[in-house]
Amino acid sequence: MDEQLRVGLVGAGPWASMIHAPGLANHPGTRLTGVWARRPEAAQELANAHGAEAFTSYRDLLSTVDAVAFCVPPAVQGPMAIEAANAGKHVVLEKPIAESQEVAEELVRAVTDANVASLVVLTRRYAPETRELLKQLHRTGGWTGADGRWLTGALLGGPFSNSPWRHERGALDDIGPHAFDLLDAALGEITDVIAAHVSETGLWQLILQHAGGATSTLSLTMSLPLEPPFSDFTVFGPNGHRTLNSRDTSAVECYTNLLDDFVAMVHSGTTTHECDVRRGLHLQKVIDLARRKAGV
């Protein structure tokens, strides 16, 4: 393997263009080798912008890389990531990692059997301010609850408003994994969805049970005309409260931090990480349980 990881990018939509492609092309430990997308003209345009090759065959792309970064809908990502892992390629996965728990479990098996590295793009978890707050929360301990809100109008306008899978699956699948991950990391593993409801306008409201007895509430929507979007997570208990609402670190910087971890994992032979594919499966289970509790 070259000192730089040869990485192929699957997908050429807005998030791939804004985050994945420049992140991979500019990171000292990776080289964006090629791009494949369902629209060949989009793959060609993105590849040209970053000095990479556009591939018309996914299998041809796989044959030229050490790792694959995915930026496609979950129903597309799951099977393609399984194929990549079976081919011995390390994987960077978007969330949710698949369209169902069953496919996510198959992906975990493929990654485990192939002994390859995996990371999920849980953006805020790679921000230094998030990591520092979580350390503080764990040092203090004793937290009994949390309240989370993530409210945006992303489906009403902007770069992601024309995304069919986001309109179909809504806030639960798109921003839900980020929110569940932060609450889980702060309070302990989510063990149950006590209650879940989704309105006709796409507002999700949930009550979550955490290991150790803590509970949390969460509101999610991508259909409110808020500018800028609003998100905060407040943890509380006998020692007071702490709030995470900082976005000092940009999404591009968070992705660079992710790639720092990813490159280190590959070169050291490490295949476990707090945000690896198994984390993705856990979040998939929470999503599926919330849908069942909401009856949708």
C-alpha atoms as a PDB file:
ATOM      1  CA  MET A   1       0.000   0.000   0.000  1.00  0.00           C
ATOM      2  CA  ASP A   2       1.209   3.521  -0.809  1.00  0.00           C
ATOM      3  CA  GLU A   3       1.880   5.866   2.087  1.00  0.00           C
ATOM      4  CA  GLN A   4      -1.158   7.806   0.909  1.00  0.00           C
ATOM      5  CA  LEU A   5      -4.373   5.807   0.911  1.00  0.00           C
ATOM      6  CA  ARG A   6      -5.908   5.548  -2.533  1.00  0.00           C
ATOM      7  CA  VAL A   7      -9.565   6.355  -1.924  1.00  0.00           C
ATOM      8  CA  GLY A   8     -12.465   6.072  -4.331  1.00  0.00           C
ATOM      9  CA  LEU A   9     -15.543   8.230  -3.837  1.00  0.00           C
ATOM     10  CA  VAL A  10     -18.990   6.800  -4.552  1.00  0.00           C
ATOM     11  CA  GLY A  11     -21.473   9.617  -5.119  1.00  0.00           C
ATOM     12  CA  ALA A  12     -21.321  13.077  -6.659  1.00  0.00           C
ATOM     13  CA  GLY A  13     -24.186  14.963  -5.031  1.00  0.00           C
ATOM     14  CA  PRO A  14     -24.022  18.163  -2.953  1.00  0.00           C
ATOM     15  CA  TRP A  15     -22.517  16.620   0.215  1.00  0.00           C
ATOM     16  CA  ALA A  16     -19.956  14.677  -1.832  1.00  0.00           C
ATOM     17  CA  SER A  17     -18.971  17.896  -3.608  1.00  0.00           C
ATOM     18  CA  MET A  18     -18.947  20.039  -0.457  1.00  0.00           C
ATOM     19  CA  ILE A  19     -17.266  17.665   2.010  1.00  0.00           C
ATOM     20  CA  HIS A  20     -16.043  14.283   0.780  1.00  0.00           C
ATOM     21  CA  ALA A  21     -14.228  15.212  -2.420  1.00  0.00           C
ATOM     22  CA  PRO A  22     -12.291  18.241  -1.130  1.00  0.00           C
ATOM     23  CA  GLY A  23     -11.603  16.480   2.147  1.00  0.00           C
ATOM     24  CA  LEU A  24     -10.112  13.436   0.445  1.00  0.00           C
ATOM     25  CA  ALA A  25      -8.230  15.451  -2.171  1.00  0.00           C
ATOM     26  CA  ASN A  26      -6.646  17.822   0.339  1.00  0.00           C
ATOM     27  CA  HIS A  27      -5.809  15.450   3.202  1.00  0.00           C
ATOM     28  CA  PRO A  28      -2.099  14.555   3.353  1.00  0.00           C
ATOM     29  CA  GLY A  29      -2.870  10.910   4.101  1.00  0.00           C
ATOM     30  CA  THR A  30      -5.316  10.255   1.271  1.00  0.00           C
ATOM     31  CA  ARG A  31      -5.412  10.564  -2.484  1.00  0.00           C
ATOM     32  CA  LEU A  32      -8.751  10.860  -4.247  1.00  0.00           C
ATOM     33  CA  THR A  33      -8.131   8.300  -6.948  1.00  0.00           C
ATOM     34  CA  GLY A  34     -11.518   8.066  -8.625  1.00  0.00           C
ATOM     35  CA  VAL A  35     -15.203   8.914  -8.529  1.00  0.00           C
ATOM     36  CA  TRP A  36     -18.188   6.757  -9.439  1.00  0.00           C
ATOM     37  CA  ALA A  37     -21.774   7.989  -9.448  1.00  0.00           C
ATOM     38  CA  ARG A  38     -25.091   6.886 -10.891  1.00  0.00           C
ATOM     39  CA  ARG A  39     -24.926   9.961 -13.146  1.00  0.00           C
ATOM     40  CA  PRO A  40     -21.678   9.619 -15.164  1.00  0.00           C
ATOM     41  CA  GLU A  41     -21.649  13.313 -16.061  1.00  0.00           C
ATOM     42  CA  ALA A  42     -21.725  14.280 -12.370  1.00  0.00           C
ATOM     43  CA  ALA A  43     -18.885  11.855 -11.596  1.00  0.00           C
ATOM     44  CA  GLN A  44     -16.841  13.324 -14.445  1.00  0.00           C
ATOM     45  CA  GLU A  45     -17.396  16.892 -13.294  1.00  0.00           C
ATOM     46  CA  LEU A  46     -16.451  16.138  -9.683  1.00  0.00           C
ATOM     47  CA  ALA A  47     -13.420  14.063 -10.698  1.00  0.00           C
ATOM     48  CA  ASN A  48     -12.178  16.821 -13.001  1.00  0.00           C
ATOM     49  CA  ALA A  49     -12.429  19.359 -10.191  1.00  0.00           C
ATOM     50  CA  HIS A  50     -10.053  17.345  -7.999  1.00  0.00           C
ATOM     51  CA  GLY A  51      -7.657  15.711 -10.436  1.00  0.00           C
ATOM     52  CA  ALA A  52      -9.242  12.271 -10.112  1.00  0.00           C
ATOM     53  CA  GLU A  53     -10.516   9.741 -12.637  1.00  0.00           C
ATOM     54  CA  ALA A  54     -14.205   9.235 -13.340  1.00  0.00           C
ATOM     55  CA  PHE A  55     -15.237   5.573 -13.485  1.00  0.00           C
ATOM     56  CA  THR A  56     -18.244   4.187 -15.298  1.00  0.00           C
ATOM     57  CA  SER A  57     -17.924   0.838 -13.508  1.00  0.00           C
ATOM     58  CA  TYR A  58     -18.025   0.511  -9.713  1.00  0.00           C
ATOM     59  CA  ARG A  59     -16.024  -2.716  -9.853  1.00  0.00           C
ATOM     60  CA  ASP A  60     -13.321  -0.995 -11.891  1.00  0.00           C
ATOM     61  CA  LEU A  61     -13.129   1.682  -9.202  1.00  0.00           C
ATOM     62  CA  LEU A  62     -12.796  -0.970  -6.502  1.00  0.00           C
ATOM     63  CA  SER A  63      -9.870  -2.559  -8.329  1.00  0.00           C
ATOM     64  CA  THR A  64      -7.803   0.646  -8.108  1.00  0.00           C
ATOM     65  CA  VAL A  65      -8.252   1.745  -4.481  1.00  0.00           C
ATOM     66  CA  ASP A  66      -7.399   0.854  -0.897  1.00  0.00           C
ATOM     67  CA  ALA A  67     -10.577   2.392   0.538  1.00  0.00           C
ATOM     68  CA  VAL A  68     -13.975   3.690  -0.511  1.00  0.00           C
ATOM     69  CA  ALA A  69     -15.873   6.707   0.814  1.00  0.00           C
ATOM     70  CA  PHE A  70     -19.621   6.551   0.240  1.00  0.00           C
ATOM     71  CA  CYS A  71     -21.959   9.494  -0.221  1.00  0.00           C
ATOM     72  CA  VAL A  72     -25.126   7.913  -1.605  1.00  0.00           C
ATOM     73  CA  PRO A  73     -28.600   7.112  -0.201  1.00  0.00           C
ATOM     74  CA  PRO A  74     -28.663   4.367   2.458  1.00  0.00           C
ATOM     75  CA  ALA A  75     -30.490   1.907   0.193  1.00  0.00           C
ATOM     76  CA  VAL A  76     -27.623   2.248  -2.302  1.00  0.00           C
ATOM     77  CA  GLN A  77     -24.797   2.436   0.219  1.00  0.00           C
ATOM     78  CA  GLY A  78     -25.582  -0.772   2.110  1.00  0.00           C
ATOM     79  CA  PRO A  79     -25.110  -3.300  -0.714  1.00  0.00           C
ATOM     80  CA  MET A  80     -22.226  -1.383  -2.309  1.00  0.00           C
ATOM     81  CA  ALA A  81     -20.357  -1.099   0.983  1.00  0.00           C
ATOM     82  CA  ILE A  82     -20.804  -4.832   1.567  1.00  0.00           C
ATOM     83  CA  GLU A  83     -19.245  -5.459  -1.843  1.00  0.00           C
ATOM     84  CA  ALA A  84     -16.364  -3.116  -1.008  1.00  0.00           C
ATOM     85  CA  ALA A  85     -15.686  -4.821   2.327  1.00  0.00           C
ATOM     86  CA  ASN A  86     -15.843  -8.243   0.694  1.00  0.00           C
ATOM     87  CA  ALA A  87     -13.186  -6.971  -1.719  1.00  0.00           C
ATOM     88  CA  GLY A  88     -10.978  -6.038   1.243  1.00  0.00           C
ATOM     89  CA  LYS A  89     -11.470  -2.285   1.013  1.00  0.00           C
ATOM     90  CA  HIS A  90     -11.650  -0.007   4.037  1.00  0.00           C
ATOM     91  CA  VAL A  91     -14.835   2.072   4.151  1.00  0.00           C
ATOM     92  CA  VAL A  92     -16.028   5.544   5.139  1.00  0.00           C
ATOM     93  CA  LEU A  93     -19.801   5.395   5.513  1.00  0.00           C
ATOM     94  CA  GLU A  94     -22.551   7.976   5.578  1.00  0.00           C
ATOM     95  CA  LYS A  95     -25.433   7.659   8.004  1.00  0.00           C
ATOM     96  CA  PRO A  96     -27.653   5.761   8.220  1.00  0.00           C
ATOM     97  CA  ILE A  97     -25.343   3.005   7.058  1.00  0.00           C
ATOM     98  CA  ALA A  98     -28.128   1.043   5.337  1.00  0.00           C
ATOM     99  CA  GLU A  99     -31.868   1.152   4.747  1.00  0.00           C
ATOM    100  CA  SER A 100     -32.661  -1.466   7.391  1.00  0.00           C
ATOM    101  CA  GLN A 101     -31.237  -3.220  10.414  1.00  0.00           C
ATOM    102  CA  GLU A 102     -30.918  -6.462   8.448  1.00  0.00           C
ATOM    103  CA  VAL A 103     -28.687  -4.910   5.781  1.00  0.00           C
ATOM    104  CA  ALA A 104     -26.709  -3.043   8.437  1.00  0.00           C
ATOM    105  CA  GLU A 105     -26.040  -6.339  10.235  1.00  0.00           C
ATOM    106  CA  GLU A 106     -24.841  -7.881   6.975  1.00  0.00           C
ATOM    107  CA  LEU A 107     -22.513  -4.916   6.466  1.00  0.00           C
ATOM    108  CA  VAL A 108     -21.060  -5.325   9.968  1.00  0.00           C
ATOM    109  CA  ARG A 109     -20.401  -8.995   9.245  1.00  0.00           C
ATOM    110  CA  ALA A 110     -18.672  -8.147   5.959  1.00  0.00           C
ATOM    111  CA  VAL A 111     -16.438  -5.505   7.579  1.00  0.00           C
ATOM    112  CA  THR A 112     -15.613  -7.821  10.496  1.00  0.00           C
ATOM    113  CA  ASP A 113     -14.859 -10.836   8.313  1.00  0.00           C
ATOM    114  CA  ALA A 114     -12.626  -8.761   6.014  1.00  0.00           C
ATOM    115  CA  ASN A 115     -10.830  -7.169   8.995  1.00  0.00           C
ATOM    116  CA  VAL A 116     -11.002  -3.717   7.399  1.00  0.00           C
ATOM    117  CA  ALA A 117     -11.294  -0.273   8.985  1.00  0.00           C
ATOM    118  CA  SER A 118     -14.603   1.581   8.982  1.00  0.00           C
ATOM    119  CA  LEU A 119     -15.832   4.986  10.121  1.00  0.00           C
ATOM    120  CA  VAL A 120     -19.259   6.623   9.995  1.00  0.00           C
ATOM    121  CA  VAL A 121     -19.563  10.330   9.164  1.00  0.00           C
ATOM    122  CA  LEU A 122     -21.146  11.440  12.449  1.00  0.00           C
ATOM    123  CA  THR A 123     -19.887  14.941  11.777  1.00  0.00           C
ATOM    124  CA  ARG A 124     -20.063  16.650  15.185  1.00  0.00           C
ATOM    125  CA  ARG A 125     -18.350  13.741  16.954  1.00  0.00           C
ATOM    126  CA  TYR A 126     -15.123  14.711  15.179  1.00  0.00           C
ATOM    127  CA  ALA A 127     -15.268  18.318  16.417  1.00  0.00           C
ATOM    128  CA  PRO A 128     -12.742  19.099  19.196  1.00  0.00           C
ATOM    129  CA  GLU A 129     -15.359  21.013  21.201  1.00  0.00           C
ATOM    130  CA  THR A 130     -17.681  17.982  21.175  1.00  0.00           C
ATOM    131  CA  ARG A 131     -14.922  15.632  22.227  1.00  0.00           C
ATOM    132  CA  GLU A 132     -13.906  17.969  25.061  1.00  0.00           C
ATOM    133  CA  LEU A 133     -17.475  18.355  26.339  1.00  0.00           C
ATOM    134  CA  LEU A 134     -18.002  14.584  26.329  1.00  0.00           C
ATOM    135  CA  LYS A 135     -14.802  14.145  28.346  1.00  0.00           C
ATOM    136  CA  GLN A 136     -16.069  16.695  30.870  1.00  0.00           C
ATOM    137  CA  LEU A 137     -19.462  14.999  31.103  1.00  0.00           C
ATOM    138  CA  HIS A 138     -17.879  11.614  31.711  1.00  0.00           C
ATOM    139  CA  ARG A 139     -15.511  12.999  34.350  1.00  0.00           C
ATOM    140  CA  THR A 140     -18.384  14.643  36.236  1.00  0.00           C
ATOM    141  CA  GLY A 141     -20.936  11.844  35.892  1.00  0.00           C
ATOM    142  CA  GLY A 142     -24.294  11.630  37.607  1.00  0.00           C
ATOM    143  CA  TRP A 143     -26.304  12.928  34.656  1.00  0.00           C
ATOM    144  CA  THR A 144     -29.958  11.923  34.827  1.00  0.00           C
ATOM    145  CA  GLY A 145     -31.415  13.352  31.640  1.00  0.00           C
ATOM    146  CA  ALA A 146     -31.020  15.381  28.492  1.00  0.00           C
ATOM    147  CA  ASP A 147     -33.068  17.398  26.052  1.00  0.00           C
ATOM    148  CA  GLY A 148     -32.111  17.605  22.395  1.00  0.00           C
ATOM    149  CA  ARG A 149     -33.485  19.731  19.568  1.00  0.00           C
ATOM    150  CA  TRP A 150     -32.405  19.724  15.934  1.00  0.00           C
ATOM    151  CA  LEU A 151     -34.696  21.931  13.862  1.00  0.00           C
ATOM    152  CA  THR A 152     -34.014  22.880  10.251  1.00  0.00           C
ATOM    153  CA  GLY A 153     -35.737  23.699   6.981  1.00  0.00           C
ATOM    154  CA  ALA A 154     -33.382  21.597   4.878  1.00  0.00           C
ATOM    155  CA  LEU A 155     -36.251  19.911   2.998  1.00  0.00           C
ATOM    156  CA  LEU A 156     -37.812  23.269   2.106  1.00  0.00           C
ATOM    157  CA  GLY A 157     -34.839  24.738   0.274  1.00  0.00           C
ATOM    158  CA  GLY A 158     -31.098  24.539  -0.149  1.00  0.00           C
ATOM    159  CA  PRO A 159     -28.718  21.916  -1.529  1.00  0.00           C
ATOM    160  CA  PHE A 160     -30.468  18.905   0.043  1.00  0.00           C
ATOM    161  CA  SER A 161     -34.076  19.857  -0.665  1.00  0.00           C
ATOM    162  CA  ASN A 162     -34.190  17.827  -3.893  1.00  0.00           C
ATOM    163  CA  SER A 163     -33.003  14.610  -2.239  1.00  0.00           C
ATOM    164  CA  PRO A 164     -35.699  11.928  -2.738  1.00  0.00           C
ATOM    165  CA  TRP A 165     -34.524   9.676   0.084  1.00  0.00           C
ATOM    166  CA  ARG A 166     -34.524  12.554   2.569  1.00  0.00           C
ATOM    167  CA  HIS A 167     -38.089  13.452   1.644  1.00  0.00           C
ATOM    168  CA  GLU A 168     -39.095   9.799   1.913  1.00  0.00           C
ATOM    169  CA  ARG A 169     -37.344   8.986   5.192  1.00  0.00           C
ATOM    170  CA  GLY A 170     -37.364  12.432   6.780  1.00  0.00           C
ATOM    171  CA  ALA A 171     -35.530  13.846   9.763  1.00  0.00           C
ATOM    172  CA  LEU A 172     -35.404  10.557  11.666  1.00  0.00           C
ATOM    173  CA  ASP A 173     -33.044   8.933   9.172  1.00  0.00           C
ATOM    174  CA  ASP A 174     -31.076  12.006   8.098  1.00  0.00           C
ATOM    175  CA  ILE A 175     -30.328  14.033  11.234  1.00  0.00           C
ATOM    176  CA  GLY A 176     -31.592  11.417  13.691  1.00  0.00           C
ATOM    177  CA  PRO A 177     -28.354   9.379  13.704  1.00  0.00           C
ATOM    178  CA  HIS A 178     -26.347  12.498  14.628  1.00  0.00           C
ATOM    179  CA  ALA A 179     -28.719  13.332  17.474  1.00  0.00           C
ATOM    180  CA  PHE A 180     -28.984   9.767  18.790  1.00  0.00           C
ATOM    181  CA  ASP A 181     -25.202   9.455  18.693  1.00  0.00           C
ATOM    182  CA  LEU A 182     -24.639  12.620  20.735  1.00  0.00           C
ATOM    183  CA  LEU A 183     -27.261  11.743  23.357  1.00  0.00           C
ATOM    184  CA  ASP A 184     -25.954   8.178  23.544  1.00  0.00           C
ATOM    185  CA  ALA A 185     -22.344   9.350  23.921  1.00  0.00           C
ATOM    186  CA  ALA A 186     -23.330  11.796  26.664  1.00  0.00           C
ATOM    187  CA  LEU A 187     -25.737   9.727  28.771  1.00  0.00           C
ATOM    188  CA  GLY A 188     -24.932   6.115  27.957  1.00  0.00           C
ATOM    189  CA  GLU A 189     -26.203   3.627  25.411  1.00  0.00           C
ATOM    190  CA  ILE A 190     -29.770   4.092  24.231  1.00  0.00           C
ATOM    191  CA  THR A 191     -31.524   0.885  25.286  1.00  0.00           C
ATOM    192  CA  ASP A 192     -35.133   1.688  24.368  1.00  0.00           C
ATOM    193  CA  VAL A 193     -37.384   4.158  22.630  1.00  0.00           C
ATOM    194  CA  ILE A 194     -40.041   4.750  25.276  1.00  0.00           C
ATOM    195  CA  ALA A 195     -42.258   6.769  22.938  1.00  0.00           C
ATOM    196  CA  ALA A 196     -42.086   8.194  19.430  1.00  0.00           C
ATOM    197  CA  HIS A 197     -44.447  10.351  17.395  1.00  0.00           C
ATOM    198  CA  VAL A 198     -44.184  11.997  13.994  1.00  0.00           C
ATOM    199  CA  SER A 199     -46.558  14.756  12.863  1.00  0.00           C
ATOM    200  CA  GLU A 200     -47.997  15.238   9.396  1.00  0.00           C
ATOM    201  CA  THR A 201     -45.432  17.985   8.880  1.00  0.00           C
ATOM    202  CA  GLY A 202     -42.494  15.693   9.718  1.00  0.00           C
ATOM    203  CA  LEU A 203     -41.798  16.744  13.306  1.00  0.00           C
ATOM    204  CA  TRP A 204     -40.426  13.797  15.293  1.00  0.00           C
ATOM    205  CA  GLN A 205     -40.645  13.811  19.090  1.00  0.00           C
ATOM    206  CA  LEU A 206     -39.085  10.982  21.060  1.00  0.00           C
ATOM    207  CA  ILE A 207     -38.408   9.820  24.618  1.00  0.00           C
ATOM    208  CA  LEU A 208     -35.334   7.619  24.979  1.00  0.00           C
ATOM    209  CA  GLN A 209     -34.131   5.255  27.731  1.00  0.00           C
ATOM    210  CA  HIS A 210     -30.402   5.032  28.411  1.00  0.00           C
ATOM    211  CA  ALA A 211     -28.305   2.405  30.169  1.00  0.00           C
ATOM    212  CA  GLY A 212     -27.938   3.326  33.835  1.00  0.00           C
ATOM    213  CA  GLY A 213     -31.417   4.801  34.124  1.00  0.00           C
ATOM    214  CA  ALA A 214     -31.097   8.206  32.432  1.00  0.00           C
ATOM    215  CA  THR A 215     -33.767   9.351  29.983  1.00  0.00           C
ATOM    216  CA  SER A 216     -33.736  11.958  27.228  1.00  0.00           C
ATOM    217  CA  THR A 217     -36.174  13.765  24.979  1.00  0.00           C
ATOM    218  CA  LEU A 218     -35.523  14.695  21.366  1.00  0.00           C
ATOM    219  CA  SER A 219     -37.268  16.835  18.751  1.00  0.00           C
ATOM    220  CA  LEU A 220     -36.259  16.562  15.088  1.00  0.00           C
ATOM    221  CA  THR A 221     -37.513  18.250  11.941  1.00  0.00           C
ATOM    222  CA  MET A 222     -36.236  19.327   8.545  1.00  0.00           C
ATOM    223  CA  SER A 223     -39.462  21.106   7.598  1.00  0.00           C
ATOM    224  CA  LEU A 224     -39.419  24.329   9.623  1.00  0.00           C
ATOM    225  CA  PRO A 225     -38.380  27.539   7.809  1.00  0.00           C
ATOM    226  CA  LEU A 226     -35.636  28.381  10.308  1.00  0.00           C
ATOM    227  CA  GLU A 227     -32.586  30.342   9.217  1.00  0.00           C
ATOM    228  CA  PRO A 228     -30.109  29.651  10.572  1.00  0.00           C
ATOM    229  CA  PRO A 229     -31.022  26.101  11.655  1.00  0.00           C
ATOM    230  CA  PHE A 230     -31.290  25.523  15.395  1.00  0.00           C
ATOM    231  CA  SER A 231     -29.749  22.689  17.357  1.00  0.00           C
ATOM    232  CA  ASP A 232     -28.748  22.197  20.952  1.00  0.00           C
ATOM    233  CA  PHE A 233     -28.313  19.373  23.422  1.00  0.00           C
ATOM    234  CA  THR A 234     -28.575  20.018  27.162  1.00  0.00           C
ATOM    235  CA  VAL A 235     -27.555  17.402  29.734  1.00  0.00           C
ATOM    236  CA  PHE A 236     -28.679  17.860  33.328  1.00  0.00           C
ATOM    237  CA  GLY A 237     -28.408  16.250  36.763  1.00  0.00           C
ATOM    238  CA  PRO A 238     -27.416  16.941  40.396  1.00  0.00           C
ATOM    239  CA  ASN A 239     -24.254  18.715  39.202  1.00  0.00           C
ATOM    240  CA  GLY A 240     -26.126  21.253  37.088  1.00  0.00           C
ATOM    241  CA  HIS A 241     -26.444  21.327  33.336  1.00  0.00           C
ATOM    242  CA  ARG A 242     -24.173  21.478  30.295  1.00  0.00           C
ATOM    243  CA  THR A 243     -25.185  22.516  26.789  1.00  0.00           C
ATOM    244  CA  LEU A 244     -23.627  21.680  23.444  1.00  0.00           C
ATOM    245  CA  ASN A 245     -24.652  24.085  20.709  1.00  0.00           C
ATOM    246  CA  SER A 246     -21.279  25.167  19.373  1.00  0.00           C
ATOM    247  CA  ARG A 247     -20.443  24.735  15.707  1.00  0.00           C
ATOM    248  CA  ASP A 248     -17.043  26.411  15.864  1.00  0.00           C
ATOM    249  CA  THR A 249     -15.516  23.576  13.858  1.00  0.00           C
ATOM    250  CA  SER A 250     -16.795  23.458  10.286  1.00  0.00           C
ATOM    251  CA  ALA A 251     -18.077  20.276   8.660  1.00  0.00           C
ATOM    252  CA  VAL A 252     -15.008  20.242   6.382  1.00  0.00           C
ATOM    253  CA  GLU A 253     -12.705  20.404   9.416  1.00  0.00           C
ATOM    254  CA  CYS A 254     -14.684  17.633  11.124  1.00  0.00           C
ATOM    255  CA  TYR A 255     -14.272  15.463   8.029  1.00  0.00           C
ATOM    256  CA  THR A 256     -10.529  16.168   8.036  1.00  0.00           C
ATOM    257  CA  ASN A 257     -10.408  14.987  11.660  1.00  0.00           C
ATOM    258  CA  LEU A 258     -12.308  11.864  10.648  1.00  0.00           C
ATOM    259  CA  LEU A 259      -9.725  11.186   7.947  1.00  0.00           C
ATOM    260  CA  ASP A 260      -6.927  11.647  10.504  1.00  0.00           C
ATOM    261  CA  ASP A 261      -8.471   8.811  12.514  1.00  0.00           C
ATOM    262  CA  PHE A 262      -9.198   6.717   9.420  1.00  0.00           C
ATOM    263  CA  VAL A 263      -5.666   6.905   8.029  1.00  0.00           C
ATOM    264  CA  ALA A 264      -4.221   6.095  11.457  1.00  0.00           C
ATOM    265  CA  MET A 265      -6.520   3.077  11.754  1.00  0.00           C
ATOM    266  CA  VAL A 266      -5.534   1.683   8.377  1.00  0.00           C
ATOM    267  CA  HIS A 267      -1.788   2.135   8.873  1.00  0.00           C
ATOM    268  CA  SER A 268      -1.889   0.667  12.394  1.00  0.00           C
ATOM    269  CA  GLY A 269      -4.173  -2.239  11.498  1.00  0.00           C
ATOM    270  CA  THR A 270      -6.847  -1.023  13.921  1.00  0.00           C
ATOM    271  CA  THR A 271     -10.415  -2.000  13.024  1.00  0.00           C
ATOM    272  CA  THR A 272     -12.381  -0.661  16.006  1.00  0.00           C
ATOM    273  CA  HIS A 273     -13.388   2.916  16.786  1.00  0.00           C
ATOM    274  CA  GLU A 274     -16.177   4.566  18.763  1.00  0.00           C
ATOM    275  CA  CYS A 275     -17.703   5.673  15.440  1.00  0.00           C
ATOM    276  CA  ASP A 276     -17.109   2.547  13.361  1.00  0.00           C
ATOM    277  CA  VAL A 277     -19.640   0.408  11.479  1.00  0.00           C
ATOM    278  CA  ARG A 278     -20.850  -1.188  14.722  1.00  0.00           C
ATOM    279  CA  ARG A 279     -21.842   2.255  15.934  1.00  0.00           C
ATOM    280  CA  GLY A 280     -23.752   2.628  12.706  1.00  0.00           C
ATOM    281  CA  LEU A 281     -25.619  -0.610  13.392  1.00  0.00           C
ATOM    282  CA  HIS A 282     -26.547   0.550  16.904  1.00  0.00           C
ATOM    283  CA  LEU A 283     -27.971   3.784  15.499  1.00  0.00           C
ATOM    284  CA  GLN A 284     -29.822   1.823  12.822  1.00  0.00           C
ATOM    285  CA  LYS A 285     -31.506  -0.224  15.543  1.00  0.00           C
ATOM    286  CA  VAL A 286     -32.634   2.965  17.299  1.00  0.00           C
ATOM    287  CA  ILE A 287     -34.059   4.326  14.031  1.00  0.00           C
ATOM    288  CA  ASP A 288     -35.941   1.106  13.301  1.00  0.00           C
ATOM    289  CA  LEU A 289     -37.302   0.927  16.859  1.00  0.00           C
ATOM    290  CA  ALA A 290     -38.458   4.562  16.712  1.00  0.00           C
ATOM    291  CA  ARG A 291     -40.342   3.850  13.483  1.00  0.00           C
ATOM    292  CA  ARG A 292     -42.061   0.851  15.039  1.00  0.00           C
ATOM    293  CA  LYS A 293     -43.003   2.833  18.150  1.00  0.00           C
ATOM    294  CA  ALA A 294     -44.411   5.626  15.961  1.00  0.00           C
ATOM    295  CA  GLY A 295     -46.299   3.111  13.825  1.00  0.00           C
ATOM    296  CA  VAL A 296     -44.788   4.259  10.521  1.00  0.00           C
END
